PDB file of all heavy atoms in Angstrom:
ATOM      1  N   MET A   1      60.262  37.598  55.887  1.00  0.00           N
ATOM      2  CA  MET A   1      59.873  37.260  54.534  1.00  0.00           C
ATOM      3  C   MET A   1      61.083  36.839  53.654  1.00  0.00           C
ATOM      4  O   MET A   1      60.930  35.909  52.899  1.00  0.00           O
ATOM      5  CB  MET A   1      59.191  38.487  53.902  1.00  0.00           C
ATOM      6  CG  MET A   1      58.717  38.229  52.452  1.00  0.00           C
ATOM      7  SD  MET A   1      57.530  36.849  52.314  1.00  0.00           S
ATOM      8  CE  MET A   1      56.122  37.471  53.179  1.00  0.00           C
ATOM      9  N   ILE A   2      62.169  37.541  53.848  1.00  0.00           N
ATOM     10  CA  ILE A   2      63.330  37.156  53.005  1.00  0.00           C
ATOM     11  C   ILE A   2      63.846  35.784  53.340  1.00  0.00           C
ATOM     12  O   ILE A   2      64.253  35.044  52.494  1.00  0.00           O
ATOM     13  CB  ILE A   2      64.508  38.236  53.250  1.00  0.00           C
ATOM     14  CG1 ILE A   2      65.634  37.940  52.248  1.00  0.00           C
ATOM     15  CG2 ILE A   2      64.968  38.160  54.685  1.00  0.00           C
ATOM     16  CD1 ILE A   2      65.301  38.218  50.801  1.00  0.00           C
ATOM     17  N   GLU A   3      63.697  35.392  54.623  1.00  0.00           N
ATOM     18  CA  GLU A   3      64.114  33.977  55.000  1.00  0.00           C
ATOM     19  C   GLU A   3      63.109  33.026  54.433  1.00  0.00           C
ATOM     20  O   GLU A   3      63.521  31.945  53.916  1.00  0.00           O
ATOM     21  CB  GLU A   3      64.092  33.877  56.519  1.00  0.00           C
ATOM     22  CG  GLU A   3      65.162  34.730  57.179  1.00  0.00           C
ATOM     23  CD  GLU A   3      65.077  34.685  58.654  1.00  0.00           C
ATOM     24  OE1 GLU A   3      63.938  34.580  59.250  1.00  0.00           O
ATOM     25  OE2 GLU A   3      66.166  34.802  59.364  1.00  0.00           O
ATOM     26  N   LYS A   4      61.810  33.328  54.440  1.00  0.00           N
ATOM     27  CA  LYS A   4      60.822  32.351  53.872  1.00  0.00           C
ATOM     28  C   LYS A   4      61.110  32.163  52.455  1.00  0.00           C
ATOM     29  O   LYS A   4      61.039  30.988  51.912  1.00  0.00           O
ATOM     30  CB  LYS A   4      59.424  32.966  54.052  1.00  0.00           C
ATOM     31  CG  LYS A   4      58.997  33.067  55.516  1.00  0.00           C
ATOM     32  CD  LYS A   4      57.645  33.667  55.591  1.00  0.00           C
ATOM     33  CE  LYS A   4      57.132  33.869  56.996  1.00  0.00           C
ATOM     34  NZ  LYS A   4      55.762  34.479  57.134  1.00  0.00           N
ATOM     35  N   LEU A   5      61.363  33.228  51.662  1.00  0.00           N
ATOM     36  CA  LEU A   5      61.585  33.110  50.226  1.00  0.00           C
ATOM     37  C   LEU A   5      62.819  32.269  49.963  1.00  0.00           C
ATOM     38  O   LEU A   5      62.852  31.472  48.976  1.00  0.00           O
ATOM     39  CB  LEU A   5      61.706  34.484  49.563  1.00  0.00           C
ATOM     40  CG  LEU A   5      60.424  35.363  49.640  1.00  0.00           C
ATOM     41  CD1 LEU A   5      60.714  36.773  49.067  1.00  0.00           C
ATOM     42  CD2 LEU A   5      59.305  34.672  48.826  1.00  0.00           C
ATOM     43  N   ALA A   6      63.875  32.473  50.711  1.00  0.00           N
ATOM     44  CA  ALA A   6      65.122  31.679  50.502  1.00  0.00           C
ATOM     45  C   ALA A   6      64.990  30.239  50.707  1.00  0.00           C
ATOM     46  O   ALA A   6      65.360  29.414  49.959  1.00  0.00           O
ATOM     47  CB  ALA A   6      66.200  32.378  51.338  1.00  0.00           C
ATOM     48  N   TYR A   7      64.294  29.917  51.872  1.00  0.00           N
ATOM     49  CA  TYR A   7      64.215  28.526  52.275  1.00  0.00           C
ATOM     50  C   TYR A   7      63.162  27.782  51.347  1.00  0.00           C
ATOM     51  O   TYR A   7      63.376  26.567  51.009  1.00  0.00           O
ATOM     52  CB  TYR A   7      63.769  28.404  53.707  1.00  0.00           C
ATOM     53  CG  TYR A   7      64.804  28.983  54.730  1.00  0.00           C
ATOM     54  CD1 TYR A   7      64.383  29.565  55.941  1.00  0.00           C
ATOM     55  CD2 TYR A   7      66.154  28.836  54.397  1.00  0.00           C
ATOM     56  CE1 TYR A   7      65.356  30.040  56.800  1.00  0.00           C
ATOM     57  CE2 TYR A   7      67.125  29.347  55.319  1.00  0.00           C
ATOM     58  CZ  TYR A   7      66.698  29.945  56.472  1.00  0.00           C
ATOM     59  OH  TYR A   7      67.626  30.441  57.406  1.00  0.00           O
ATOM     60  N   ILE A   8      62.083  28.434  51.015  1.00  0.00           N
ATOM     61  CA  ILE A   8      61.050  27.819  50.254  1.00  0.00           C
ATOM     62  C   ILE A   8      61.476  27.535  48.833  1.00  0.00           C
ATOM     63  O   ILE A   8      60.995  26.547  48.182  1.00  0.00           O
ATOM     64  CB  ILE A   8      59.746  28.708  50.259  1.00  0.00           C
ATOM     65  CG1 ILE A   8      59.060  28.594  51.591  1.00  0.00           C
ATOM     66  CG2 ILE A   8      58.826  28.302  49.128  1.00  0.00           C
ATOM     67  CD1 ILE A   8      57.857  29.459  51.753  1.00  0.00           C
ATOM     68  N   HIS A   9      62.436  28.336  48.365  1.00  0.00           N
ATOM     69  CA  HIS A   9      62.936  28.093  46.954  1.00  0.00           C
ATOM     70  C   HIS A   9      63.508  26.660  46.808  1.00  0.00           C
ATOM     71  O   HIS A   9      63.373  26.071  45.717  1.00  0.00           O
ATOM     72  CB  HIS A   9      64.008  29.111  46.598  1.00  0.00           C
ATOM     73  CG  HIS A   9      64.600  28.882  45.269  1.00  0.00           C
ATOM     74  ND1 HIS A   9      63.833  28.978  44.096  1.00  0.00           N
ATOM     75  CD2 HIS A   9      65.800  28.553  44.794  1.00  0.00           C
ATOM     76  CE1 HIS A   9      64.607  28.708  43.025  1.00  0.00           C
ATOM     77  NE2 HIS A   9      65.815  28.476  43.467  1.00  0.00           N
ATOM     78  N   LEU A  10      64.083  26.130  47.810  1.00  0.00           N
ATOM     79  CA  LEU A  10      64.619  24.707  47.782  1.00  0.00           C
ATOM     80  C   LEU A  10      63.717  23.723  48.426  1.00  0.00           C
ATOM     81  O   LEU A  10      64.149  22.678  48.920  1.00  0.00           O
ATOM     82  CB  LEU A  10      65.991  24.725  48.444  1.00  0.00           C
ATOM     83  CG  LEU A  10      67.110  25.496  47.767  1.00  0.00           C
ATOM     84  CD1 LEU A  10      68.412  25.348  48.495  1.00  0.00           C
ATOM     85  CD2 LEU A  10      67.254  25.131  46.255  1.00  0.00           C
ATOM     86  N   THR A  11      62.431  23.965  48.385  1.00  0.00           N
ATOM     87  CA  THR A  11      61.399  23.078  48.904  1.00  0.00           C
ATOM     88  C   THR A  11      60.872  22.148  47.836  1.00  0.00           C
ATOM     89  O   THR A  11      60.517  22.587  46.716  1.00  0.00           O
ATOM     90  CB  THR A  11      60.240  23.831  49.516  1.00  0.00           C
ATOM     91  OG1 THR A  11      60.638  24.615  50.604  1.00  0.00           O
ATOM     92  CG2 THR A  11      59.180  22.811  49.989  1.00  0.00           C
ATOM     93  N   ALA A  12      60.976  20.855  48.019  1.00  0.00           N
ATOM     94  CA  ALA A  12      60.348  19.824  47.189  1.00  0.00           C
ATOM     95  C   ALA A  12      59.760  18.747  48.009  1.00  0.00           C
ATOM     96  O   ALA A  12      59.781  18.808  49.280  1.00  0.00           O
ATOM     97  CB  ALA A  12      61.421  19.286  46.249  1.00  0.00           C
ATOM     98  N   GLU A  13      59.122  17.777  47.388  1.00  0.00           N
ATOM     99  CA  GLU A  13      58.396  16.807  48.147  1.00  0.00           C
ATOM    100  C   GLU A  13      59.177  16.125  49.279  1.00  0.00           C
ATOM    101  O   GLU A  13      58.675  15.942  50.329  1.00  0.00           O
ATOM    102  CB  GLU A  13      57.865  15.722  47.215  1.00  0.00           C
ATOM    103  CG  GLU A  13      56.616  16.104  46.388  1.00  0.00           C
ATOM    104  CD  GLU A  13      56.977  16.959  45.138  1.00  0.00           C
ATOM    105  OE1 GLU A  13      58.136  17.251  44.951  1.00  0.00           O
ATOM    106  OE2 GLU A  13      56.094  17.243  44.378  1.00  0.00           O
ATOM    107  N   PRO A  14      60.423  15.641  49.027  1.00  0.00           N
ATOM    108  CA  PRO A  14      61.125  14.960  50.143  1.00  0.00           C
ATOM    109  C   PRO A  14      61.380  15.809  51.397  1.00  0.00           C
ATOM    110  O   PRO A  14      60.992  15.381  52.514  1.00  0.00           O
ATOM    111  CB  PRO A  14      62.469  14.605  49.438  1.00  0.00           C
ATOM    112  CG  PRO A  14      62.102  14.456  48.015  1.00  0.00           C
ATOM    113  CD  PRO A  14      61.143  15.633  47.786  1.00  0.00           C
ATOM    114  N   ASN A  15      62.030  17.023  51.275  1.00  0.00           N
ATOM    115  CA  ASN A  15      62.264  17.762  52.483  1.00  0.00           C
ATOM    116  C   ASN A  15      61.020  18.379  53.051  1.00  0.00           C
ATOM    117  O   ASN A  15      60.944  18.662  54.253  1.00  0.00           O
ATOM    118  CB  ASN A  15      63.373  18.858  52.250  1.00  0.00           C
ATOM    119  CG  ASN A  15      62.998  19.919  51.182  1.00  0.00           C
ATOM    120  OD1 ASN A  15      62.110  19.632  50.333  1.00  0.00           O
ATOM    121  ND2 ASN A  15      63.563  21.074  51.336  1.00  0.00           N
ATOM    122  N   TRP A  16      60.011  18.615  52.240  1.00  0.00           N
ATOM    123  CA  TRP A  16      58.684  19.078  52.695  1.00  0.00           C
ATOM    124  C   TRP A  16      58.086  18.037  53.611  1.00  0.00           C
ATOM    125  O   TRP A  16      57.673  18.397  54.754  1.00  0.00           O
ATOM    126  CB  TRP A  16      57.813  19.372  51.522  1.00  0.00           C
ATOM    127  CG  TRP A  16      56.317  19.657  51.882  1.00  0.00           C
ATOM    128  CD1 TRP A  16      55.837  20.828  52.317  1.00  0.00           C
ATOM    129  CD2 TRP A  16      55.260  18.748  51.723  1.00  0.00           C
ATOM    130  NE1 TRP A  16      54.485  20.742  52.527  1.00  0.00           N
ATOM    131  CE2 TRP A  16      54.133  19.502  52.149  1.00  0.00           C
ATOM    132  CE3 TRP A  16      55.139  17.455  51.337  1.00  0.00           C
ATOM    133  CZ2 TRP A  16      52.873  18.906  52.185  1.00  0.00           C
ATOM    134  CZ3 TRP A  16      53.863  16.864  51.340  1.00  0.00           C
ATOM    135  CH2 TRP A  16      52.769  17.576  51.722  1.00  0.00           C
ATOM    136  N   ALA A  17      58.042  16.775  53.199  1.00  0.00           N
ATOM    137  CA  ALA A  17      57.419  15.708  53.969  1.00  0.00           C
ATOM    138  C   ALA A  17      58.243  15.473  55.237  1.00  0.00           C
ATOM    139  O   ALA A  17      57.640  15.257  56.282  1.00  0.00           O
ATOM    140  CB  ALA A  17      57.313  14.453  53.109  1.00  0.00           C
ATOM    141  N   LEU A  18      59.564  15.463  55.115  1.00  0.00           N
ATOM    142  CA  LEU A  18      60.386  15.194  56.264  1.00  0.00           C
ATOM    143  C   LEU A  18      60.232  16.341  57.298  1.00  0.00           C
ATOM    144  O   LEU A  18      60.210  16.087  58.541  1.00  0.00           O
ATOM    145  CB  LEU A  18      61.866  15.085  55.843  1.00  0.00           C
ATOM    146  CG  LEU A  18      62.269  13.835  55.104  1.00  0.00           C
ATOM    147  CD1 LEU A  18      63.625  13.971  54.502  1.00  0.00           C
ATOM    148  CD2 LEU A  18      62.149  12.575  55.948  1.00  0.00           C
ATOM    149  N   SER A  19      60.114  17.507  56.841  1.00  0.00           N
ATOM    150  CA  SER A  19      59.977  18.653  57.788  1.00  0.00           C
ATOM    151  C   SER A  19      58.602  18.604  58.483  1.00  0.00           C
ATOM    152  O   SER A  19      58.551  18.888  59.697  1.00  0.00           O
ATOM    153  CB  SER A  19      60.102  19.998  57.034  1.00  0.00           C
ATOM    154  OG  SER A  19      61.406  20.130  56.460  1.00  0.00           O
ATOM    155  N   LEU A  20      57.530  18.306  57.775  1.00  0.00           N
ATOM    156  CA  LEU A  20      56.244  18.242  58.438  1.00  0.00           C
ATOM    157  C   LEU A  20      56.209  17.103  59.408  1.00  0.00           C
ATOM    158  O   LEU A  20      55.626  17.245  60.528  1.00  0.00           O
ATOM    159  CB  LEU A  20      55.170  18.026  57.343  1.00  0.00           C
ATOM    160  CG  LEU A  20      54.770  19.216  56.489  1.00  0.00           C
ATOM    161  CD1 LEU A  20      53.640  18.838  55.563  1.00  0.00           C
ATOM    162  CD2 LEU A  20      54.258  20.340  57.357  1.00  0.00           C
ATOM    163  N   SER A  21      56.794  15.968  59.102  1.00  0.00           N
ATOM    164  CA  SER A  21      56.851  14.800  60.006  1.00  0.00           C
ATOM    165  C   SER A  21      57.622  15.149  61.248  1.00  0.00           C
ATOM    166  O   SER A  21      57.216  14.864  62.414  1.00  0.00           O
ATOM    167  CB  SER A  21      57.469  13.630  59.336  1.00  0.00           C
ATOM    168  OG  SER A  21      57.559  12.499  60.140  1.00  0.00           O
ATOM    169  N   ARG A  22      58.773  15.834  61.150  1.00  0.00           N
ATOM    170  CA  ARG A  22      59.569  16.181  62.301  1.00  0.00           C
ATOM    171  C   ARG A  22      58.884  17.224  63.171  1.00  0.00           C
ATOM    172  O   ARG A  22      58.922  17.249  64.378  1.00  0.00           O
ATOM    173  CB  ARG A  22      60.859  16.684  61.811  1.00  0.00           C
ATOM    174  CG  ARG A  22      61.885  17.137  62.899  1.00  0.00           C
ATOM    175  CD  ARG A  22      63.129  17.674  62.255  1.00  0.00           C
ATOM    176  NE  ARG A  22      64.044  18.310  63.231  1.00  0.00           N
ATOM    177  CZ  ARG A  22      65.051  17.661  63.789  1.00  0.00           C
ATOM    178  NH1 ARG A  22      65.342  16.472  63.494  1.00  0.00           N
ATOM    179  NH2 ARG A  22      65.879  18.338  64.688  1.00  0.00           N
ATOM    180  N   LEU A  23      58.141  18.177  62.518  1.00  0.00           N
ATOM    181  CA  LEU A  23      57.477  19.263  63.152  1.00  0.00           C
ATOM    182  C   LEU A  23      56.409  18.767  64.131  1.00  0.00           C
ATOM    183  O   LEU A  23      56.074  19.361  65.127  1.00  0.00           O
ATOM    184  CB  LEU A  23      56.836  20.206  62.091  1.00  0.00           C
ATOM    185  CG  LEU A  23      56.317  21.506  62.651  1.00  0.00           C
ATOM    186  CD1 LEU A  23      57.391  22.373  63.266  1.00  0.00           C
ATOM    187  CD2 LEU A  23      55.601  22.274  61.513  1.00  0.00           C
ATOM    188  N   GLU A  24      55.805  17.565  63.823  1.00  0.00           N
ATOM    189  CA  GLU A  24      54.836  16.996  64.655  1.00  0.00           C
ATOM    190  C   GLU A  24      55.327  16.340  65.926  1.00  0.00           C
ATOM    191  O   GLU A  24      54.536  16.095  66.887  1.00  0.00           O
ATOM    192  CB  GLU A  24      53.940  15.973  63.902  1.00  0.00           C
ATOM    193  CG  GLU A  24      53.113  16.621  62.734  1.00  0.00           C
ATOM    194  CD  GLU A  24      52.269  15.558  62.076  1.00  0.00           C
ATOM    195  OE1 GLU A  24      52.382  14.379  62.467  1.00  0.00           O
ATOM    196  OE2 GLU A  24      51.481  15.984  61.158  1.00  0.00           O
ATOM    197  N   THR A  25      56.604  16.058  65.992  1.00  0.00           N
ATOM    198  CA  THR A  25      57.193  15.337  67.122  1.00  0.00           C
ATOM    199  C   THR A  25      58.169  16.173  67.962  1.00  0.00           C
ATOM    200  O   THR A  25      58.435  15.842  69.087  1.00  0.00           O
ATOM    201  CB  THR A  25      57.915  14.110  66.646  1.00  0.00           C
ATOM    202  OG1 THR A  25      58.979  14.472  65.769  1.00  0.00           O
ATOM    203  CG2 THR A  25      56.903  13.139  65.970  1.00  0.00           C
ATOM    204  N   GLN A  26      58.748  17.262  67.386  1.00  0.00           N
ATOM    205  CA  GLN A  26      59.692  18.039  68.043  1.00  0.00           C
ATOM    206  C   GLN A  26      59.853  19.433  67.482  1.00  0.00           C
ATOM    207  O   GLN A  26      59.440  19.631  66.303  1.00  0.00           O
ATOM    208  CB  GLN A  26      61.088  17.360  67.999  1.00  0.00           C
ATOM    209  CG  GLN A  26      61.636  17.147  66.645  1.00  0.00           C
ATOM    210  CD  GLN A  26      62.909  16.378  66.692  1.00  0.00           C
ATOM    211  OE1 GLN A  26      63.890  16.829  67.144  1.00  0.00           O
ATOM    212  NE2 GLN A  26      62.890  15.120  66.173  1.00  0.00           N
ATOM    213  N   PRO A  27      60.347  20.429  68.223  1.00  0.00           N
ATOM    214  CA  PRO A  27      60.561  21.785  67.666  1.00  0.00           C
ATOM    215  C   PRO A  27      61.486  21.710  66.450  1.00  0.00           C
ATOM    216  O   PRO A  27      62.469  21.035  66.464  1.00  0.00           O
ATOM    217  CB  PRO A  27      61.202  22.546  68.825  1.00  0.00           C
ATOM    218  CG  PRO A  27      60.818  21.801  70.045  1.00  0.00           C
ATOM    219  CD  PRO A  27      60.736  20.378  69.592  1.00  0.00           C
ATOM    220  N   THR A  28      61.081  22.388  65.406  1.00  0.00           N
ATOM    221  CA  THR A  28      61.841  22.360  64.118  1.00  0.00           C
ATOM    222  C   THR A  28      61.927  23.737  63.556  1.00  0.00           C
ATOM    223  O   THR A  28      60.964  24.535  63.594  1.00  0.00           O
ATOM    224  CB  THR A  28      61.153  21.474  63.086  1.00  0.00           C
ATOM    225  OG1 THR A  28      60.954  20.114  63.665  1.00  0.00           O
ATOM    226  CG2 THR A  28      61.965  21.305  61.801  1.00  0.00           C
ATOM    227  N   SER A  29      63.103  24.108  63.090  1.00  0.00           N
ATOM    228  CA  SER A  29      63.375  25.409  62.440  1.00  0.00           C
ATOM    229  C   SER A  29      63.332  25.261  60.940  1.00  0.00           C
ATOM    230  O   SER A  29      63.598  24.193  60.390  1.00  0.00           O
ATOM    231  CB  SER A  29      64.694  26.053  62.954  1.00  0.00           C
ATOM    232  OG  SER A  29      65.760  25.507  62.270  1.00  0.00           O
ATOM    233  N   PRO A  30      63.265  26.404  60.235  1.00  0.00           N
ATOM    234  CA  PRO A  30      63.305  26.333  58.742  1.00  0.00           C
ATOM    235  C   PRO A  30      64.638  25.813  58.238  1.00  0.00           C
ATOM    236  O   PRO A  30      64.755  25.404  57.091  1.00  0.00           O
ATOM    237  CB  PRO A  30      63.107  27.827  58.358  1.00  0.00           C
ATOM    238  CG  PRO A  30      62.353  28.425  59.487  1.00  0.00           C
ATOM    239  CD  PRO A  30      62.864  27.730  60.719  1.00  0.00           C
ATOM    240  N   LEU A  31      65.710  25.847  59.060  1.00  0.00           N
ATOM    241  CA  LEU A  31      67.000  25.379  58.672  1.00  0.00           C
ATOM    242  C   LEU A  31      66.965  23.896  58.392  1.00  0.00           C
ATOM    243  O   LEU A  31      67.753  23.394  57.544  1.00  0.00           O
ATOM    244  CB  LEU A  31      68.094  25.669  59.760  1.00  0.00           C
ATOM    245  CG  LEU A  31      68.506  27.143  59.838  1.00  0.00           C
ATOM    246  CD1 LEU A  31      69.454  27.282  61.031  1.00  0.00           C
ATOM    247  CD2 LEU A  31      69.196  27.575  58.555  1.00  0.00           C
ATOM    248  N   PHE A  32      66.101  23.112  59.001  1.00  0.00           N
ATOM    249  CA  PHE A  32      65.944  21.773  58.788  1.00  0.00           C
ATOM    250  C   PHE A  32      65.466  21.546  57.320  1.00  0.00           C
ATOM    251  O   PHE A  32      65.957  20.737  56.536  1.00  0.00           O
ATOM    252  CB  PHE A  32      64.988  21.112  59.735  1.00  0.00           C
ATOM    253  CG  PHE A  32      64.847  19.589  59.518  1.00  0.00           C
ATOM    254  CD1 PHE A  32      65.651  18.692  60.135  1.00  0.00           C
ATOM    255  CD2 PHE A  32      63.829  19.064  58.737  1.00  0.00           C
ATOM    256  CE1 PHE A  32      65.548  17.308  59.927  1.00  0.00           C
ATOM    257  CE2 PHE A  32      63.654  17.758  58.501  1.00  0.00           C
ATOM    258  CZ  PHE A  32      64.538  16.805  59.140  1.00  0.00           C
ATOM    259  N   LEU A  33      64.465  22.316  56.918  1.00  0.00           N
ATOM    260  CA  LEU A  33      63.959  22.273  55.574  1.00  0.00           C
ATOM    261  C   LEU A  33      65.040  22.688  54.578  1.00  0.00           C
ATOM    262  O   LEU A  33      65.156  22.089  53.525  1.00  0.00           O
ATOM    263  CB  LEU A  33      62.793  23.235  55.469  1.00  0.00           C
ATOM    264  CG  LEU A  33      62.107  23.419  54.061  1.00  0.00           C
ATOM    265  CD1 LEU A  33      61.228  22.219  53.701  1.00  0.00           C
ATOM    266  CD2 LEU A  33      61.275  24.695  54.038  1.00  0.00           C
ATOM    267  N   PHE A  34      65.752  23.760  54.888  1.00  0.00           N
ATOM    268  CA  PHE A  34      66.787  24.262  54.003  1.00  0.00           C
ATOM    269  C   PHE A  34      67.921  23.241  53.873  1.00  0.00           C
ATOM    270  O   PHE A  34      68.485  23.085  52.773  1.00  0.00           O
ATOM    271  CB  PHE A  34      67.300  25.612  54.599  1.00  0.00           C
ATOM    272  CG  PHE A  34      68.232  26.288  53.647  1.00  0.00           C
ATOM    273  CD1 PHE A  34      67.824  26.653  52.391  1.00  0.00           C
ATOM    274  CD2 PHE A  34      69.545  26.609  54.056  1.00  0.00           C
ATOM    275  CE1 PHE A  34      68.701  27.380  51.495  1.00  0.00           C
ATOM    276  CE2 PHE A  34      70.411  27.300  53.254  1.00  0.00           C
ATOM    277  CZ  PHE A  34      69.993  27.661  51.914  1.00  0.00           C
ATOM    278  N   GLY A  35      68.343  22.606  54.916  1.00  0.00           N
ATOM    279  CA  GLY A  35      69.355  21.585  54.872  1.00  0.00           C
ATOM    280  C   GLY A  35      68.998  20.507  53.922  1.00  0.00           C
ATOM    281  O   GLY A  35      69.812  19.998  53.082  1.00  0.00           O
TER     282      GLY A  35
END
């Protein structure tokens, strides 16, 4: 939960869309969203 809260705080439309797109084609970790 603490990781979810930390990563989600910096979630906005661009990295959200990029993460969802990448998730459909290859394994993706929350660090991609956070980066």
